[in-house]
C-alpha atoms as a PDB file:
ATOM      1  CA  MET A   1       8.758  -9.050  24.283  1.00  0.00           C
ATOM      2  CA  ASN A   2       6.302  -6.763  26.104  1.00  0.00           C
ATOM      3  CA  LEU A   3       2.753  -5.811  25.061  1.00  0.00           C
ATOM      4  CA  PRO A   4       3.517  -2.424  23.404  1.00  0.00           C
ATOM      5  CA  ASN A   5       6.161  -4.036  21.184  1.00  0.00           C
ATOM      6  CA  LYS A   6       3.738  -6.805  20.238  1.00  0.00           C
ATOM      7  CA  ILE A   7       1.175  -4.172  19.219  1.00  0.00           C
ATOM      8  CA  THR A   8       3.824  -2.392  17.150  1.00  0.00           C
ATOM      9  CA  LEU A   9       4.698  -5.665  15.416  1.00  0.00           C
ATOM     10  CA  LEU A  10       0.993  -6.209  14.767  1.00  0.00           C
ATOM     11  CA  ARG A  11       0.909  -2.838  12.990  1.00  0.00           C
ATOM     12  CA  ILE A  12       3.801  -3.920  10.788  1.00  0.00           C
ATOM     13  CA  CYS A  13       2.104  -7.259  10.044  1.00  0.00           C
ATOM     14  CA  MET A  14      -1.061  -5.444   8.984  1.00  0.00           C
ATOM     15  CA  ILE A  15       0.781  -3.658   6.174  1.00  0.00           C
ATOM     16  CA  PRO A  16       0.890  -6.716   3.820  1.00  0.00           C
ATOM     17  CA  LEU A  17      -2.814  -7.272   4.553  1.00  0.00           C
ATOM     18  CA  PHE A  18      -3.506  -3.656   3.645  1.00  0.00           C
ATOM     19  CA  ILE A  19      -1.593  -4.061   0.362  1.00  0.00           C
ATOM     20  CA  LEU A  20      -3.459  -7.287  -0.421  1.00  0.00           C
ATOM     21  CA  PHE A  21      -6.911  -5.734  -0.133  1.00  0.00           C
ATOM     22  CA  PHE A  22      -5.826  -2.544  -1.909  1.00  0.00           C
ATOM     23  CA  TYR A  23      -5.036  -4.561  -5.027  1.00  0.00           C
ATOM     24  CA  LEU A  24      -7.696  -7.244  -4.551  1.00  0.00           C
ATOM     25  CA  GLU A  25      -9.991  -5.842  -7.233  1.00  0.00           C
ATOM     26  CA  VAL A  26     -12.210  -8.877  -7.785  1.00  0.00           C
ATOM     27  CA  SER A  27     -15.809  -8.786  -8.970  1.00  0.00           C
ATOM     28  CA  ALA A  28     -17.091 -10.207  -5.689  1.00  0.00           C
ATOM     29  CA  LEU A  29     -15.927  -7.104  -3.819  1.00  0.00           C
ATOM     30  CA  LYS A  30     -17.156  -4.635  -6.477  1.00  0.00           C
ATOM     31  CA  GLY A  31     -14.553  -2.035  -5.580  1.00  0.00           C
ATOM     32  CA  TYR A  32     -15.186  -2.268  -1.850  1.00  0.00           C
ATOM     33  CA  ASN A  33     -11.703  -3.701  -1.428  1.00  0.00           C
ATOM     34  CA  PHE A  34     -10.566  -0.074  -1.068  1.00  0.00           C
ATOM     35  CA  LEU A  35     -13.028   0.432   1.781  1.00  0.00           C
ATOM     36  CA  ILE A  36     -11.718  -2.692   3.495  1.00  0.00           C
ATOM     37  CA  ALA A  37      -8.164  -1.421   2.941  1.00  0.00           C
ATOM     38  CA  ALA A  38      -9.210   1.897   4.536  1.00  0.00           C
ATOM     39  CA  ILE A  39     -10.530   0.070   7.602  1.00  0.00           C
ATOM     40  CA  ILE A  40      -7.324  -1.951   7.904  1.00  0.00           C
ATOM     41  CA  PHE A  41      -5.282   1.235   7.572  1.00  0.00           C
ATOM     42  CA  VAL A  42      -7.283   3.026  10.273  1.00  0.00           C
ATOM     43  CA  LEU A  43      -6.956   0.060  12.627  1.00  0.00           C
ATOM     44  CA  ALA A  44      -3.216  -0.143  12.001  1.00  0.00           C
ATOM     45  CA  ALA A  45      -2.714   3.611  12.452  1.00  0.00           C
ATOM     46  CA  SER A  46      -4.747   3.622  15.679  1.00  0.00           C
ATOM     47  CA  THR A  47      -2.359   1.114  17.256  1.00  0.00           C
ATOM     48  CA  ASP A  48       0.294   3.851  17.258  1.00  0.00           C
ATOM     49  CA  ALA A  49      -1.441   5.776  20.033  1.00  0.00           C
ATOM     50  CA  LEU A  50      -2.317   2.546  21.837  1.00  0.00           C
ATOM     51  CA  ASP A  51       1.182   1.092  22.083  1.00  0.00           C
ATOM     52  CA  GLY A  52       2.633   4.454  23.082  1.00  0.00           C
ATOM     53  CA  HIS A  53       0.055   4.938  25.826  1.00  0.00           C
ATOM     54  CA  ILE A  54       0.595   1.458  27.242  1.00  0.00           C
ATOM     55  CA  ALA A  55       4.380   1.789  27.133  1.00  0.00           C
ATOM     56  CA  ARG A  56       4.360   5.110  28.993  1.00  0.00           C
ATOM     57  CA  SER A  57       1.611   4.324  31.507  1.00  0.00           C
ATOM     58  CA  ARG A  58       3.108   0.953  32.472  1.00  0.00           C
ATOM     59  CA  ASN A  59       6.743   2.020  32.228  1.00  0.00           C
ATOM     60  CA  LEU A  60       7.383  -0.457  29.423  1.00  0.00           C
ATOM     61  CA  VAL A  61       9.459   1.804  27.177  1.00  0.00           C
ATOM     62  CA  THR A  62      12.283  -0.225  25.614  1.00  0.00           C
ATOM     63  CA  ASN A  63      15.012   0.361  23.056  1.00  0.00           C
ATOM     64  CA  LEU A  64      13.297  -2.148  20.767  1.00  0.00           C
ATOM     65  CA  GLY A  65      10.097  -0.140  21.001  1.00  0.00           C
ATOM     66  CA  LYS A  66      11.916   3.112  20.273  1.00  0.00           C
ATOM     67  CA  PHE A  67      13.367   1.451  17.182  1.00  0.00           C
ATOM     68  CA  LEU A  68      10.255  -0.319  15.896  1.00  0.00           C
ATOM     69  CA  ASP A  69       7.556   2.282  16.572  1.00  0.00           C
ATOM     70  CA  PRO A  70       8.732   5.084  14.246  1.00  0.00           C
ATOM     71  CA  ILE A  71       9.660   2.552  11.568  1.00  0.00           C
ATOM     72  CA  ALA A  72       6.194   0.997  11.691  1.00  0.00           C
ATOM     73  CA  ASP A  73       4.556   4.424  11.378  1.00  0.00           C
ATOM     74  CA  LYS A  74       6.694   5.536   8.468  1.00  0.00           C
ATOM     75  CA  VAL A  75       6.406   2.260   6.553  1.00  0.00           C
ATOM     76  CA  LEU A  76       2.613   2.243   6.962  1.00  0.00           C
ATOM     77  CA  VAL A  77       2.116   5.827   5.780  1.00  0.00           C
ATOM     78  CA  SER A  78       4.740   5.607   3.010  1.00  0.00           C
ATOM     79  CA  THR A  79       3.256   2.383   1.684  1.00  0.00           C
ATOM     80  CA  ALA A  80      -0.253   3.837   1.625  1.00  0.00           C
ATOM     81  CA  LEU A  81       0.829   7.033  -0.134  1.00  0.00           C
ATOM     82  CA  ILE A  82       2.804   5.180  -2.803  1.00  0.00           C
ATOM     83  CA  LEU A  83      -0.053   2.735  -3.397  1.00  0.00           C
ATOM     84  CA  LEU A  84      -2.505   5.608  -3.851  1.00  0.00           C
ATOM     85  CA  LEU A  85      -0.304   7.036  -6.587  1.00  0.00           C
ATOM     86  CA  THR A  86      -0.660   3.761  -8.509  1.00  0.00           C
ATOM     87  CA  ARG A  87      -4.390   4.508  -8.672  1.00  0.00           C
ATOM     88  CA  GLY A  88      -3.838   8.106  -9.671  1.00  0.00           C
ATOM     89  CA  GLN A  89      -7.253   8.537 -11.265  1.00  0.00           C
ATOM     90  CA  ILE A  90      -8.699   9.298  -7.846  1.00  0.00           C
ATOM     91  CA  PHE A  91      -6.617  12.473  -7.730  1.00  0.00           C
ATOM     92  CA  GLU A  92      -7.629  13.460 -11.252  1.00  0.00           C
ATOM     93  CA  VAL A  93     -11.295  13.023 -10.363  1.00  0.00           C
ATOM     94  CA  SER A  94     -10.941  15.084  -7.240  1.00  0.00           C
ATOM     95  CA  ILE A  95      -8.841  17.989  -8.505  1.00  0.00           C
ATOM     96  CA  LEU A  96      -9.542  18.076 -12.277  1.00  0.00           C
ATOM     97  CA  SER A  97      -7.451  16.754 -15.172  1.00  0.00           C
ATOM     98  CA  GLY A  98      -3.885  15.474 -14.991  1.00  0.00           C
ATOM     99  CA  TRP A  99      -2.686  18.158 -12.597  1.00  0.00           C
ATOM    100  CA  GLY A 100      -4.222  16.295  -9.687  1.00  0.00           C
ATOM    101  CA  LEU A 101      -1.852  13.352  -9.980  1.00  0.00           C
ATOM    102  CA  ILE A 102       1.137  15.658 -10.430  1.00  0.00           C
ATOM    103  CA  ALA A 103       0.206  17.616  -7.290  1.00  0.00           C
ATOM    104  CA  ALA A 104      -0.319  14.392  -5.337  1.00  0.00           C
ATOM    105  CA  GLY A 105       3.048  13.068  -6.516  1.00  0.00           C
ATOM    106  CA  ILE A 106       4.768  16.232  -5.307  1.00  0.00           C
ATOM    107  CA  CYS A 107       3.024  15.951  -1.931  1.00  0.00           C
ATOM    108  CA  VAL A 108       4.136  12.336  -1.524  1.00  0.00           C
ATOM    109  CA  ALA A 109       7.711  13.201  -2.527  1.00  0.00           C
ATOM    110  CA  VAL A 110       7.825  16.059  -0.002  1.00  0.00           C
ATOM    111  CA  ILE A 111       6.409  13.909   2.802  1.00  0.00           C
ATOM    112  CA  LEU A 112       8.855  11.068   2.141  1.00  0.00           C
ATOM    113  CA  ALA A 113      11.786  13.495   1.855  1.00  0.00           C
ATOM    114  CA  ARG A 114      10.905  15.065   5.210  1.00  0.00           C
ATOM    115  CA  GLU A 115      10.764  11.675   6.907  1.00  0.00           C
ATOM    116  CA  LEU A 116      14.153  10.693   5.490  1.00  0.00           C
ATOM    117  CA  ILE A 117      15.732  13.977   6.586  1.00  0.00           C
ATOM    118  CA  VAL A 118      14.317  13.777  10.120  1.00  0.00           C
ATOM    119  CA  SER A 119      15.295  10.101  10.397  1.00  0.00           C
ATOM    120  CA  GLY A 120      18.868  10.993   9.429  1.00  0.00           C
ATOM    121  CA  PHE A 121      18.800  13.831  11.945  1.00  0.00           C
ATOM    122  CA  ARG A 122      17.702  11.432  14.680  1.00  0.00           C
ATOM    123  CA  MET A 123      20.474   9.010  13.748  1.00  0.00           C
ATOM    124  CA  ILE A 124      23.036  11.761  14.245  1.00  0.00           C
ATOM    125  CA  ALA A 125      21.469  12.608  17.602  1.00  0.00           C
ATOM    126  CA  ALA A 126      21.450   8.961  18.678  1.00  0.00           C
ATOM    127  CA  GLY A 127      25.119   8.684  17.790  1.00  0.00           C
ATOM    128  CA  ARG A 128      25.764  11.522  20.211  1.00  0.00           C
ATOM    129  CA  ASN A 129      23.576  10.042  22.952  1.00  0.00           C
ATOM    130  CA  LEU A 130      20.907  12.720  22.546  1.00  0.00           C
ATOM    131  CA  VAL A 131      17.226  11.862  22.954  1.00  0.00           C
ATOM    132  CA  LEU A 132      14.937  14.037  20.813  1.00  0.00           C
ATOM    133  CA  ALA A 133      11.298  14.084  21.850  1.00  0.00           C
ATOM    134  CA  ALA A 134       8.563  14.307  19.228  1.00  0.00           C
ATOM    135  CA  ASP A 135       6.822  17.683  19.133  1.00  0.00           C
ATOM    136  CA  LYS A 136       3.121  18.508  18.864  1.00  0.00           C
ATOM    137  CA  LEU A 137       3.390  19.662  15.255  1.00  0.00           C
ATOM    138  CA  GLY A 138       4.832  16.293  14.307  1.00  0.00           C
ATOM    139  CA  LYS A 139       1.967  14.477  15.995  1.00  0.00           C
ATOM    140  CA  ILE A 140      -0.632  16.676  14.312  1.00  0.00           C
ATOM    141  CA  LYS A 141       0.909  16.157  10.866  1.00  0.00           C
ATOM    142  CA  THR A 142       0.817  12.381  11.447  1.00  0.00           C
ATOM    143  CA  VAL A 143      -2.886  12.576  12.261  1.00  0.00           C
ATOM    144  CA  LEU A 144      -3.537  14.687   9.147  1.00  0.00           C
ATOM    145  CA  GLN A 145      -1.617  12.229   6.980  1.00  0.00           C
ATOM    146  CA  ASP A 146      -3.599   9.306   8.387  1.00  0.00           C
ATOM    147  CA  VAL A 147      -6.915  11.106   7.935  1.00  0.00           C
ATOM    148  CA  SER A 148      -6.126  12.092   4.341  1.00  0.00           C
ATOM    149  CA  ILE A 149      -5.168   8.536   3.400  1.00  0.00           C
ATOM    150  CA  ALA A 150      -8.222   7.016   5.080  1.00  0.00           C
ATOM    151  CA  VAL A 151     -10.637   9.497   3.472  1.00  0.00           C
ATOM    152  CA  ILE A 152      -9.162   9.071  -0.017  1.00  0.00           C
ATOM    153  CA  LEU A 153      -9.296   5.286   0.321  1.00  0.00           C
ATOM    154  CA  ALA A 154     -12.906   5.440   1.507  1.00  0.00           C
ATOM    155  CA  SER A 155     -13.870   7.571  -1.501  1.00  0.00           C
ATOM    156  CA  MET A 156     -12.457   5.190  -4.099  1.00  0.00           C
ATOM    157  CA  PRO A 157     -15.377   2.708  -4.287  1.00  0.00           C
ATOM    158  CA  PHE A 158     -17.686   5.668  -4.974  1.00  0.00           C
ATOM    159  CA  ALA A 159     -15.431   7.668  -7.290  1.00  0.00           C
ATOM    160  CA  GLY A 160     -17.965   7.503 -10.124  1.00  0.00           C
ATOM    161  CA  GLY A 161     -20.606   9.388  -8.152  1.00  0.00           C
ATOM    162  CA  LYS A 162     -20.884  12.960  -6.933  1.00  0.00           C
ATOM    163  CA  GLY A 163     -20.645  11.926  -3.274  1.00  0.00           C
ATOM    164  CA  GLY A 164     -17.475   9.969  -3.911  1.00  0.00           C
ATOM    165  CA  ARG A 165     -15.893  12.918  -5.708  1.00  0.00           C
ATOM    166  CA  ILE A 166     -16.734  15.248  -2.823  1.00  0.00           C
ATOM    167  CA  VAL A 167     -15.190  12.851  -0.301  1.00  0.00           C
ATOM    168  CA  ALA A 168     -12.108  12.548  -2.525  1.00  0.00           C
ATOM    169  CA  VAL A 169     -11.765  16.346  -2.647  1.00  0.00           C
ATOM    170  CA  VAL A 170     -11.899  16.443   1.168  1.00  0.00           C
ATOM    171  CA  GLY A 171      -9.238  13.735   1.357  1.00  0.00           C
ATOM    172  CA  VAL A 172      -6.958  15.556  -1.070  1.00  0.00           C
ATOM    173  CA  PHE A 173      -7.443  18.803   0.861  1.00  0.00           C
ATOM    174  CA  PHE A 174      -6.266  17.002   3.993  1.00  0.00           C
ATOM    175  CA  LEU A 175      -3.285  15.659   2.011  1.00  0.00           C
ATOM    176  CA  PHE A 176      -2.283  19.187   0.972  1.00  0.00           C
ATOM    177  CA  ALA A 177      -2.709  20.428   4.552  1.00  0.00           C
ATOM    178  CA  ALA A 178      -0.672  17.474   5.837  1.00  0.00           C
ATOM    179  CA  THR A 179       2.089  18.259   3.339  1.00  0.00           C
ATOM    180  CA  VAL A 180       2.336  21.881   4.461  1.00  0.00           C
ATOM    181  CA  LEU A 181       2.374  20.840   8.112  1.00  0.00           C
ATOM    182  CA  THR A 182       4.929  18.122   7.329  1.00  0.00           C
ATOM    183  CA  VAL A 183       7.333  20.741   5.985  1.00  0.00           C
ATOM    184  CA  LEU A 184       6.689  23.162   8.871  1.00  0.00           C
ATOM    185  CA  SER A 185       7.052  20.461  11.524  1.00  0.00           C
ATOM    186  CA  GLY A 186      10.276  19.230   9.942  1.00  0.00           C
ATOM    187  CA  ILE A 187      11.789  22.706   9.922  1.00  0.00           C
ATOM    188  CA  ASN A 188      10.591  23.347  13.479  1.00  0.00           C
ATOM    189  CA  TYR A 189      11.979  20.007  14.681  1.00  0.00           C
ATOM    190  CA  ILE A 190      15.439  20.680  13.275  1.00  0.00           C
ATOM    191  CA  LEU A 191      15.548  24.281  14.509  1.00  0.00           C
ATOM    192  CA  LYS A 192      14.489  23.223  18.022  1.00  0.00           C
ATOM    193  CA  ASN A 193      17.259  20.625  18.085  1.00  0.00           C
ATOM    194  CA  ARG A 194      19.896  22.444  16.053  1.00  0.00           C
ATOM    195  CA  GLN A 195      22.500  21.726  18.721  1.00  0.00           C
ATOM    196  CA  VAL A 196      22.738  18.268  17.164  1.00  0.00           C
ATOM    197  CA  LEU A 197      24.480  19.796  14.148  1.00  0.00           C
ATOM    198  CA  ARG A 198      27.002  21.733  16.189  1.00  0.00           C
ATOM    199  CA  GLY A 199      30.434  20.553  17.244  1.00  0.00           C
ATOM    200  CA  GLY A 200      30.505  17.962  20.013  1.00  0.00           C
ATOM    201  CA  GLU A 201      32.068  20.333  22.504  1.00  0.00           C
ATOM    202  CA  GLU A 202      29.175  22.780  22.147  1.00  0.00           C
ATOM    203  CA  VAL A 203      26.354  20.329  22.871  1.00  0.00           C
END
């Protein structure tokens, strides 16, 4: 197994550690478990760019890497988004009343639905020996998703104060922006590669 694949596996292994600290609400940490979880998340997310750069620059791209890398990204982001919904009060603090959690739930549902649709689209393409490159919009939406999650996590230890609420509002704003871009990038990705849905003789 080459270095990029090892880094990708490290990202996957960091997910249980992220979950552990997210729920490790013990008195000794005084709520800073969320800040530690944010740091773990940022470190895990940053390995995405690292393994990709190493694989391309050293010509170490493998089928295993093509399989593991997108799975690691999606599992990390999906896990973080779902976990945040279990602490929905952060969205209520940041947006006002119960509508905040409802809006956040819709955003998470849309993001997860997009990833499932695009993953299915890629499976169809793979079955027809077509390689679909990621586009810039997709990369930007991933960055926005990561930033929104990290900022919301970082705000949670300070949710009772004005500063914490402001940071949470910023994080939720990024989540809304990421959701819009997620939809646009998904539509753009499918339209750019619509030949995948045509008859085999037309591809």
